[in-house]
Amino acid sequence: MTSVTSQPEPMTREELQAKLIAKAWQDESFKQELLSNPTAVVAREMGLDNIPGITIEIVEETPTTYYLVLPPKPTDDTEELSDAELESVAGGRRRSSGETILYPPRGGYC
């Protein structure tokens, strides 16, 4: 069972990160729980009982230590865009997941 009593409100990754960071900055006990049991805390904050098959790791930056997260390498299973899709993204491409990635137009912006 992966959902709590009601359907959780959809959230982007950026929205979830912002929510978790703000809460951790305001509540030291939440921060410690997030650092010690991140997958369970993130699931709870998303309104889920658990997140099967997902492991979440949290690291805390310091003023002198920064972390760079390398995402998984994209696969070549991207689909080609139709002319209409190409016009709508103007310099982007669509991944097979349907996510559109935007790039600046060649020659830059005016």
Protein backbone atom coordinates (compact mmCIF):
# COMPACT_ATOMS: atom_id res chain seq x y z
CA MET A 1 0.00 0.00 0.00
CA THR A 2 1.54 3.29 -1.07
CA SER A 3 -1.05 5.96 -0.33
CA VAL A 4 -2.31 7.36 2.94
CA THR A 5 -6.00 8.09 3.45
CA SER A 6 -6.41 10.75 0.75
CA GLN A 7 -4.83 11.33 -2.64
CA PRO A 8 -1.65 13.42 -2.20
CA GLU A 9 -1.39 16.73 -4.04
CA PRO A 10 1.02 16.40 -7.01
CA MET A 11 4.31 18.22 -6.52
CA THR A 12 7.31 18.81 -8.75
CA ARG A 13 10.73 17.77 -7.53
CA GLU A 14 11.65 21.43 -7.09
CA GLU A 15 8.51 22.11 -5.03
CA LEU A 16 9.22 19.11 -2.81
CA GLN A 17 12.84 20.17 -2.32
CA ALA A 18 11.79 23.73 -1.42
CA LYS A 19 9.21 22.39 1.07
CA LEU A 20 11.73 20.05 2.73
CA ILE A 21 14.48 22.68 2.93
CA ALA A 22 12.16 25.32 4.40
CA LYS A 23 10.84 22.88 7.00
CA ALA A 24 14.36 21.67 7.89
CA TRP A 25 15.55 25.26 8.37
CA GLN A 26 12.61 26.00 10.67
CA ASP A 27 12.53 22.76 12.67
CA GLU A 28 15.77 21.18 13.93
CA SER A 29 14.08 17.91 14.94
CA PHE A 30 12.58 17.56 11.44
CA LYS A 31 16.04 18.24 9.96
CA GLN A 32 17.62 15.52 12.10
CA GLU A 33 14.87 13.05 11.16
CA LEU A 34 15.29 13.97 7.46
CA LEU A 35 19.05 13.36 7.70
CA SER A 36 18.68 10.04 9.56
CA ASN A 37 15.69 8.52 7.72
CA PRO A 38 15.27 10.46 4.46
CA THR A 39 13.18 7.99 2.45
CA ALA A 40 10.53 7.62 5.15
CA VAL A 41 10.39 11.36 5.83
CA VAL A 42 10.10 12.25 2.13
CA ALA A 43 7.38 9.65 1.66
CA ARG A 44 5.47 11.08 4.61
CA GLU A 45 5.85 14.63 3.31
CA MET A 46 4.51 13.46 -0.06
CA GLY A 47 1.49 11.93 1.67
CA LEU A 48 2.62 8.33 1.12
CA ASP A 49 3.24 5.41 3.46
CA ASN A 50 6.43 4.48 1.61
CA ILE A 51 8.16 4.80 -1.75
CA PRO A 52 8.83 1.25 -3.00
CA GLY A 53 12.06 0.78 -4.95
CA ILE A 54 13.39 4.28 -4.21
CA THR A 55 16.32 5.20 -1.98
CA ILE A 56 16.77 8.83 -0.99
CA GLU A 57 20.01 10.20 0.39
CA ILE A 58 20.30 13.61 2.02
CA VAL A 59 23.57 15.49 2.41
CA GLU A 60 23.95 18.84 4.09
CA GLU A 61 26.13 21.44 2.42
CA THR A 62 28.31 23.72 4.50
CA PRO A 63 29.66 27.17 3.63
CA THR A 64 32.79 25.46 2.27
CA THR A 65 31.45 22.14 0.94
CA TYR A 66 29.17 21.86 -2.09
CA TYR A 67 27.71 18.78 -3.75
CA LEU A 68 27.06 18.20 -7.42
CA VAL A 69 24.40 15.61 -8.24
CA LEU A 70 24.90 13.78 -11.51
CA PRO A 71 21.54 12.64 -12.85
CA PRO A 72 21.22 9.35 -14.73
CA LYS A 73 22.63 9.54 -18.23
CA PRO A 74 19.79 10.06 -20.75
CA THR A 75 19.07 7.13 -23.00
CA ASP A 76 18.76 7.40 -26.76
CA ASP A 77 15.08 6.50 -26.62
CA THR A 78 14.01 10.09 -27.26
CA GLU A 79 11.22 10.44 -29.75
CA GLU A 80 11.30 12.88 -32.63
CA LEU A 81 9.06 15.91 -32.43
CA SER A 82 6.38 16.69 -34.95
CA ASP A 83 6.61 20.06 -36.71
CA ALA A 84 3.89 21.42 -34.37
CA GLU A 85 5.72 20.17 -31.26
CA LEU A 86 8.98 21.56 -32.57
CA GLU A 87 7.37 24.98 -33.07
CA SER A 88 5.90 24.91 -29.55
CA VAL A 89 9.20 24.19 -27.81
CA ALA A 90 11.39 26.35 -30.06
CA GLY A 91 14.81 24.91 -29.45
CA GLY A 92 13.92 22.01 -27.13
CA ARG A 93 13.42 18.29 -27.35
CA ARG A 94 10.98 15.92 -25.74
CA ARG A 95 12.13 12.92 -23.76
CA SER A 96 10.25 9.66 -24.01
CA SER A 97 8.74 10.46 -20.62
CA GLY A 98 6.97 13.40 -22.26
CA GLU A 99 9.09 15.94 -20.38
CA THR A 100 10.12 18.86 -22.58
CA ILE A 101 13.64 20.17 -22.22
CA LEU A 102 14.12 23.74 -23.43
CA TYR A 103 17.33 25.12 -24.87
CA PRO A 104 18.05 28.72 -25.86
CA PRO A 105 17.61 29.37 -29.58
CA ARG A 106 20.75 29.34 -31.72
CA GLY A 107 22.24 32.79 -31.77
CA GLY A 108 20.83 33.52 -28.32
CA TYR A 109 17.92 35.69 -27.36
CA CYS A 110 17.26 39.09 -28.93
